[in-house]
C-alpha atoms as a PDB file:
ATOM      1  CA  MET A   1       9.152 -93.542  35.689  1.00  0.00           C
ATOM      2  CA  LEU A   2       7.661 -93.936  32.407  1.00  0.00           C
ATOM      3  CA  ALA A   3       7.394 -90.007  31.964  1.00  0.00           C
ATOM      4  CA  LYS A   4      11.291 -89.655  33.272  1.00  0.00           C
ATOM      5  CA  SER A   5      12.570 -92.217  30.616  1.00  0.00           C
ATOM      6  CA  THR A   6      11.380 -90.509  28.081  1.00  0.00           C
ATOM      7  CA  ILE A   7      12.939 -87.166  28.706  1.00  0.00           C
ATOM      8  CA  LEU A   8      16.539 -86.184  28.278  1.00  0.00           C
ATOM      9  CA  ASP A   9      18.989 -86.997  30.670  1.00  0.00           C
ATOM     10  CA  ALA A  10      20.352 -83.254  31.179  1.00  0.00           C
ATOM     11  CA  ILE A  11      16.531 -82.017  31.607  1.00  0.00           C
ATOM     12  CA  ARG A  12      15.867 -85.252  34.076  1.00  0.00           C
ATOM     13  CA  GLU A  13      18.755 -84.490  36.239  1.00  0.00           C
ATOM     14  CA  SER A  14      18.083 -80.722  36.665  1.00  0.00           C
ATOM     15  CA  ILE A  15      14.598 -81.434  38.161  1.00  0.00           C
ATOM     16  CA  LEU A  16      14.159 -82.931  41.261  1.00  0.00           C
ATOM     17  CA  ASP A  17      12.226 -85.913  42.472  1.00  0.00           C
ATOM     18  CA  CYS A  18       8.458 -85.543  42.895  1.00  0.00           C
ATOM     19  CA  ASP A  19       5.761 -87.895  44.230  1.00  0.00           C
ATOM     20  CA  THR A  20       3.208 -87.254  41.245  1.00  0.00           C
ATOM     21  CA  THR A  21       3.407 -87.279  37.638  1.00  0.00           C
ATOM     22  CA  THR A  22       1.276 -84.155  37.177  1.00  0.00           C
ATOM     23  CA  GLU A  23       4.019 -82.143  39.781  1.00  0.00           C
ATOM     24  CA  TYR A  24       6.577 -83.850  37.948  1.00  0.00           C
ATOM     25  CA  LEU A  25       5.602 -82.334  34.300  1.00  0.00           C
ATOM     26  CA  LYS A  26       4.751 -78.969  35.703  1.00  0.00           C
ATOM     27  CA  LYS A  27       8.461 -78.732  36.809  1.00  0.00           C
ATOM     28  CA  VAL A  28       9.359 -79.807  33.434  1.00  0.00           C
ATOM     29  CA  GLU A  29       6.918 -76.914  31.624  1.00  0.00           C
ATOM     30  CA  SER A  30       8.430 -74.333  34.179  1.00  0.00           C
ATOM     31  CA  GLN A  31      12.156 -75.315  33.029  1.00  0.00           C
ATOM     32  CA  PHE A  32      11.075 -73.859  29.459  1.00  0.00           C
ATOM     33  CA  THR A  33       9.052 -70.912  30.545  1.00  0.00           C
ATOM     34  CA  GLY A  34      12.139 -68.506  29.676  1.00  0.00           C
ATOM     35  CA  SER A  35      12.454 -69.934  26.228  1.00  0.00           C
ATOM     36  CA  SER A  36       9.157 -69.286  25.041  1.00  0.00           C
ATOM     37  CA  LYS A  37       9.518 -65.868  25.705  1.00  0.00           C
ATOM     38  CA  THR A  38      12.744 -65.757  23.483  1.00  0.00           C
ATOM     39  CA  TYR A  39      11.027 -67.677  21.058  1.00  0.00           C
ATOM     40  CA  ALA A  40       8.161 -64.830  20.986  1.00  0.00           C
ATOM     41  CA  SER A  41      10.477 -62.221  21.017  1.00  0.00           C
ATOM     42  CA  THR A  42      12.463 -63.551  18.129  1.00  0.00           C
ATOM     43  CA  LEU A  43       9.366 -64.097  16.379  1.00  0.00           C
ATOM     44  CA  ILE A  44       8.110 -60.633  16.798  1.00  0.00           C
ATOM     45  CA  LYS A  45      11.547 -59.174  15.513  1.00  0.00           C
ATOM     46  CA  LYS A  46      11.261 -61.448  12.518  1.00  0.00           C
ATOM     47  CA  LEU A  47       7.899 -60.122  11.880  1.00  0.00           C
ATOM     48  CA  PHE A  48       8.818 -56.356  12.180  1.00  0.00           C
ATOM     49  CA  ASN A  49      11.975 -56.491  10.318  1.00  0.00           C
ATOM     50  CA  GLU A  50      10.786 -58.787   7.477  1.00  0.00           C
ATOM     51  CA  LYS A  51      11.225 -57.591   3.885  1.00  0.00           C
ATOM     52  CA  TYR A  52       9.824 -58.450   0.567  1.00  0.00           C
ATOM     53  CA  THR A  53      12.635 -59.181  -1.489  1.00  0.00           C
ATOM     54  CA  GLY A  54      10.878 -61.146  -4.501  1.00  0.00           C
ATOM     55  CA  GLY A  55      10.638 -64.592  -5.059  1.00  0.00           C
ATOM     56  CA  GLY A  56       6.526 -64.359  -5.074  1.00  0.00           C
ATOM     57  CA  ILE A  57       4.268 -62.277  -2.911  1.00  0.00           C
ATOM     58  CA  ARG A  58       1.986 -64.753  -2.037  1.00  0.00           C
ATOM     59  CA  GLU A  59       4.839 -66.796  -0.107  1.00  0.00           C
ATOM     60  CA  HIS A  60       6.057 -63.631   1.744  1.00  0.00           C
ATOM     61  CA  ILE A  61       2.687 -62.915   2.867  1.00  0.00           C
ATOM     62  CA  LEU A  62       1.856 -66.495   3.917  1.00  0.00           C
ATOM     63  CA  LYS A  63       5.469 -66.482   5.831  1.00  0.00           C
ATOM     64  CA  MET A  64       4.201 -63.387   7.759  1.00  0.00           C
ATOM     65  CA  SER A  65       0.977 -64.895   8.566  1.00  0.00           C
ATOM     66  CA  ASN A  66       2.565 -68.021   9.720  1.00  0.00           C
ATOM     67  CA  MET A  67       4.720 -66.138  12.182  1.00  0.00           C
ATOM     68  CA  THR A  68       1.699 -64.308  13.689  1.00  0.00           C
ATOM     69  CA  SER A  69       0.058 -67.640  14.129  1.00  0.00           C
ATOM     70  CA  LYS A  70       2.974 -69.024  16.210  1.00  0.00           C
ATOM     71  CA  LEU A  71       2.399 -66.187  18.518  1.00  0.00           C
ATOM     72  CA  LYS A  72      -1.032 -66.905  19.282  1.00  0.00           C
ATOM     73  CA  PRO A  73      -0.559 -69.817  21.471  1.00  0.00           C
ATOM     74  CA  MET A  74       1.525 -67.301  23.662  1.00  0.00           C
ATOM     75  CA  ASP A  75      -1.581 -64.925  24.041  1.00  0.00           C
ATOM     76  CA  LEU A  76       0.470 -62.534  21.693  1.00  0.00           C
ATOM     77  CA  GLY A  77      -2.019 -62.517  18.804  1.00  0.00           C
ATOM     78  CA  LEU A  78      -1.940 -59.841  16.133  1.00  0.00           C
ATOM     79  CA  LYS A  79      -5.052 -59.118  14.604  1.00  0.00           C
ATOM     80  CA  ASP A  80      -5.271 -59.643  10.844  1.00  0.00           C
ATOM     81  CA  GLU A  81      -5.552 -55.387  10.184  1.00  0.00           C
ATOM     82  CA  PHE A  82      -2.472 -54.980  12.084  1.00  0.00           C
ATOM     83  CA  LEU A  83      -0.798 -57.827   9.800  1.00  0.00           C
ATOM     84  CA  ILE A  84      -1.935 -56.278   6.691  1.00  0.00           C
ATOM     85  CA  HIS A  85      -0.493 -53.090   7.852  1.00  0.00           C
ATOM     86  CA  LEU A  86       2.937 -54.797   8.379  1.00  0.00           C
ATOM     87  CA  VAL A  87       2.652 -56.722   5.095  1.00  0.00           C
ATOM     88  CA  PHE A  88       2.337 -53.099   3.343  1.00  0.00           C
ATOM     89  CA  ALA A  89       5.413 -51.782   5.143  1.00  0.00           C
ATOM     90  CA  SER A  90       7.651 -54.677   4.330  1.00  0.00           C
ATOM     91  CA  LEU A  91       6.731 -54.173   0.182  1.00  0.00           C
ATOM     92  CA  PRO A  92       9.357 -52.432  -1.825  1.00  0.00           C
ATOM     93  CA  LYS A  93       9.170 -48.832  -3.453  1.00  0.00           C
ATOM     94  CA  GLU A  94       7.611 -50.323  -6.356  1.00  0.00           C
ATOM     95  CA  TYR A  95       4.292 -51.069  -4.472  1.00  0.00           C
ATOM     96  CA  GLU A  96       3.951 -47.835  -3.325  1.00  0.00           C
ATOM     97  CA  THR A  97       0.873 -46.432  -5.040  1.00  0.00           C
ATOM     98  CA  PHE A  98      -0.462 -49.624  -4.494  1.00  0.00           C
ATOM     99  CA  VAL A  99      -0.431 -48.987  -0.601  1.00  0.00           C
ATOM    100  CA  VAL A 100      -1.654 -45.752  -1.159  1.00  0.00           C
ATOM    101  CA  ASN A 101      -4.646 -46.861  -2.775  1.00  0.00           C
ATOM    102  CA  TYR A 102      -5.352 -49.227   0.105  1.00  0.00           C
ATOM    103  CA  ASN A 103      -5.168 -46.582   2.424  1.00  0.00           C
ATOM    104  CA  MET A 104      -7.831 -44.553   0.453  1.00  0.00           C
ATOM    105  CA  HIS A 105     -10.240 -47.402   0.155  1.00  0.00           C
ATOM    106  CA  PRO A 106     -12.814 -47.329   2.919  1.00  0.00           C
ATOM    107  CA  ASP A 107     -13.008 -51.188   3.243  1.00  0.00           C
ATOM    108  CA  LYS A 108     -10.686 -53.083   4.954  1.00  0.00           C
ATOM    109  CA  TRP A 109      -9.127 -56.447   3.824  1.00  0.00           C
ATOM    110  CA  ASP A 110      -8.541 -59.891   5.057  1.00  0.00           C
ATOM    111  CA  ILE A 111      -5.721 -62.096   4.505  1.00  0.00           C
ATOM    112  CA  GLU A 112      -7.025 -63.739   1.312  1.00  0.00           C
ATOM    113  CA  LYS A 113      -8.152 -60.835  -0.145  1.00  0.00           C
ATOM    114  CA  LEU A 114      -5.001 -59.035   0.316  1.00  0.00           C
ATOM    115  CA  ILE A 115      -3.020 -62.062  -1.399  1.00  0.00           C
ATOM    116  CA  ALA A 116      -5.192 -62.110  -3.915  1.00  0.00           C
ATOM    117  CA  ILE A 117      -4.833 -58.612  -4.921  1.00  0.00           C
ATOM    118  CA  CYS A 118      -1.003 -58.648  -4.130  1.00  0.00           C
ATOM    119  CA  VAL A 119      -0.397 -61.047  -6.471  1.00  0.00           C
ATOM    120  CA  GLN A 120      -2.483 -59.695  -9.268  1.00  0.00           C
ATOM    121  CA  GLU A 121      -0.251 -56.315  -8.550  1.00  0.00           C
ATOM    122  CA  GLU A 122       2.903 -58.418  -8.937  1.00  0.00           C
ATOM    123  CA  GLU A 123       1.824 -59.774 -12.109  1.00  0.00           C
ATOM    124  CA  ARG A 124       1.052 -56.184 -13.428  1.00  0.00           C
ATOM    125  CA  LEU A 125       4.403 -54.802 -12.045  1.00  0.00           C
ATOM    126  CA  LYS A 126       6.054 -57.570 -13.960  1.00  0.00           C
ATOM    127  CA  SER A 127       4.511 -57.219 -17.055  1.00  0.00           C
ATOM    128  CA  SER A 128       5.142 -53.129 -17.112  1.00  0.00           C
ATOM    129  CA  GLN A 129       8.920 -53.711 -16.786  1.00  0.00           C
ATOM    130  CA  GLY A 130       8.954 -55.457 -19.805  1.00  0.00           C
ATOM    131  CA  ASP A 131      11.942 -58.110 -20.588  1.00  0.00           C
ATOM    132  CA  SER A 132      15.616 -57.064 -20.073  1.00  0.00           C
ATOM    133  CA  ALA A 133      18.981 -57.928 -21.756  1.00  0.00           C
ATOM    134  CA  ASN A 134      22.538 -57.989 -20.527  1.00  0.00           C
ATOM    135  CA  LEU A 135      25.145 -56.222 -23.350  1.00  0.00           C
ATOM    136  CA  VAL A 136      28.569 -57.813 -23.135  1.00  0.00           C
ATOM    137  CA  LYS A 137      31.055 -55.424 -24.909  1.00  0.00           C
ATOM    138  CA  ASP A 138      34.174 -57.253 -24.861  1.00  0.00           C
ATOM    139  CA  ASN A 139      36.323 -59.596 -22.735  1.00  0.00           C
ATOM    140  CA  LYS A 140      39.382 -57.459 -22.517  1.00  0.00           C
ATOM    141  CA  LYS A 141      41.066 -57.084 -18.941  1.00  0.00           C
ATOM    142  CA  LYS A 142      41.152 -53.672 -17.832  1.00  0.00           C
ATOM    143  CA  ASN A 143      44.242 -52.256 -16.054  1.00  0.00           C
ATOM    144  CA  PHE A 144      43.543 -50.990 -12.552  1.00  0.00           C
ATOM    145  CA  ASN A 145      46.807 -49.319 -11.797  1.00  0.00           C
ATOM    146  CA  LYS A 146      46.714 -45.789 -10.800  1.00  0.00           C
ATOM    147  CA  ASN A 147      48.806 -44.718 -13.590  1.00  0.00           C
ATOM    148  CA  ALA A 148      46.924 -46.821 -16.323  1.00  0.00           C
ATOM    149  CA  LYS A 149      46.236 -44.348 -18.497  1.00  0.00           C
ATOM    150  CA  SER A 150      49.562 -42.941 -19.082  1.00  0.00           C
ATOM    151  CA  GLN A 151      51.353 -46.371 -18.687  1.00  0.00           C
ATOM    152  CA  GLY A 152      48.592 -48.679 -20.337  1.00  0.00           C
ATOM    153  CA  LYS A 153      49.125 -47.920 -24.446  1.00  0.00           C
ATOM    154  CA  ALA A 154      52.828 -46.806 -23.885  1.00  0.00           C
ATOM    155  CA  SER A 155      53.975 -50.229 -22.175  1.00  0.00           C
ATOM    156  CA  GLN A 156      52.051 -52.139 -24.962  1.00  0.00           C
ATOM    157  CA  THR A 157      53.893 -50.520 -27.688  1.00  0.00           C
ATOM    158  CA  GLU A 158      57.006 -51.016 -25.786  1.00  0.00           C
ATOM    159  CA  HIS A 159      56.558 -54.473 -25.440  1.00  0.00           C
ATOM    160  CA  HIS A 160      55.863 -55.129 -29.115  1.00  0.00           C
ATOM    161  CA  GLN A 161      58.874 -53.261 -30.039  1.00  0.00           C
ATOM    162  CA  LYS A 162      60.840 -55.292 -27.761  1.00  0.00           C
ATOM    163  CA  ASN A 163      59.151 -58.406 -29.383  1.00  0.00           C
ATOM    164  CA  ASN A 164      59.722 -57.112 -33.277  1.00  0.00           C
ATOM    165  CA  ASN A 165      63.757 -56.221 -32.438  1.00  0.00           C
ATOM    166  CA  ALA A 166      64.609 -59.161 -30.441  1.00  0.00           C
ATOM    167  CA  GLN A 167      66.879 -61.651 -31.843  1.00  0.00           C
ATOM    168  CA  VAL A 168      65.138 -64.706 -33.642  1.00  0.00           C
ATOM    169  CA  GLU A 169      66.293 -67.374 -36.076  1.00  0.00           C
ATOM    170  CA  LYS A 170      65.489 -67.092 -39.893  1.00  0.00           C
ATOM    171  CA  ASP A 171      61.926 -68.654 -40.366  1.00  0.00           C
ATOM    172  CA  GLN A 172      60.674 -67.878 -36.456  1.00  0.00           C
ATOM    173  CA  CYS A 173      57.778 -66.000 -35.459  1.00  0.00           C
ATOM    174  CA  LYS A 174      58.834 -62.694 -33.239  1.00  0.00           C
ATOM    175  CA  TRP A 175      55.849 -63.143 -31.241  1.00  0.00           C
ATOM    176  CA  CYS A 176      55.259 -66.582 -30.210  1.00  0.00           C
ATOM    177  CA  LYS A 177      59.048 -67.937 -31.286  1.00  0.00           C
ATOM    178  CA  LYS A 178      57.583 -70.876 -33.224  1.00  0.00           C
ATOM    179  CA  HIS A 179      59.082 -71.963 -36.408  1.00  0.00           C
ATOM    180  CA  GLY A 180      57.019 -72.194 -39.478  1.00  0.00           C
ATOM    181  CA  HIS A 181      55.575 -68.456 -40.074  1.00  0.00           C
ATOM    182  CA  TYR A 182      56.519 -65.134 -39.149  1.00  0.00           C
END
């Protein structure tokens, strides 16, 4: 009764009564067998489709390592060598020469060495790119009509001519229609 009281009603009602607690817990476990397979499939898809997009290569590698450690209890653990190749496959083009250098190297790395060397490579890439600045030229709105080239300047001059030719009172601006200036 104690085991039944701690389980959600939806789960408890779907399992028939059992004589022993171990039998009852085995039936509860059998209810979740399929979901662990789905979870494993989801983790594997995430692991193989993971791409590094910035934000720290150490965090990226640790995230992938964490996913593989979640697969180990399901007897689906990956070797570290395979994980290292998955990490290299997830890196962008800037790391291509780094990956080639690893492949040319005779010894194999563990995860800790991979993280250390990848962080060094990330720092090298950041320093080689240098700083950047964005230039803002003007804040004029563009006319994106199909006939913008032909109508743009003509319509502006027509507008100014209409405003200049408009009837205004004496001591009134032709542009803003306020009194006190021209």
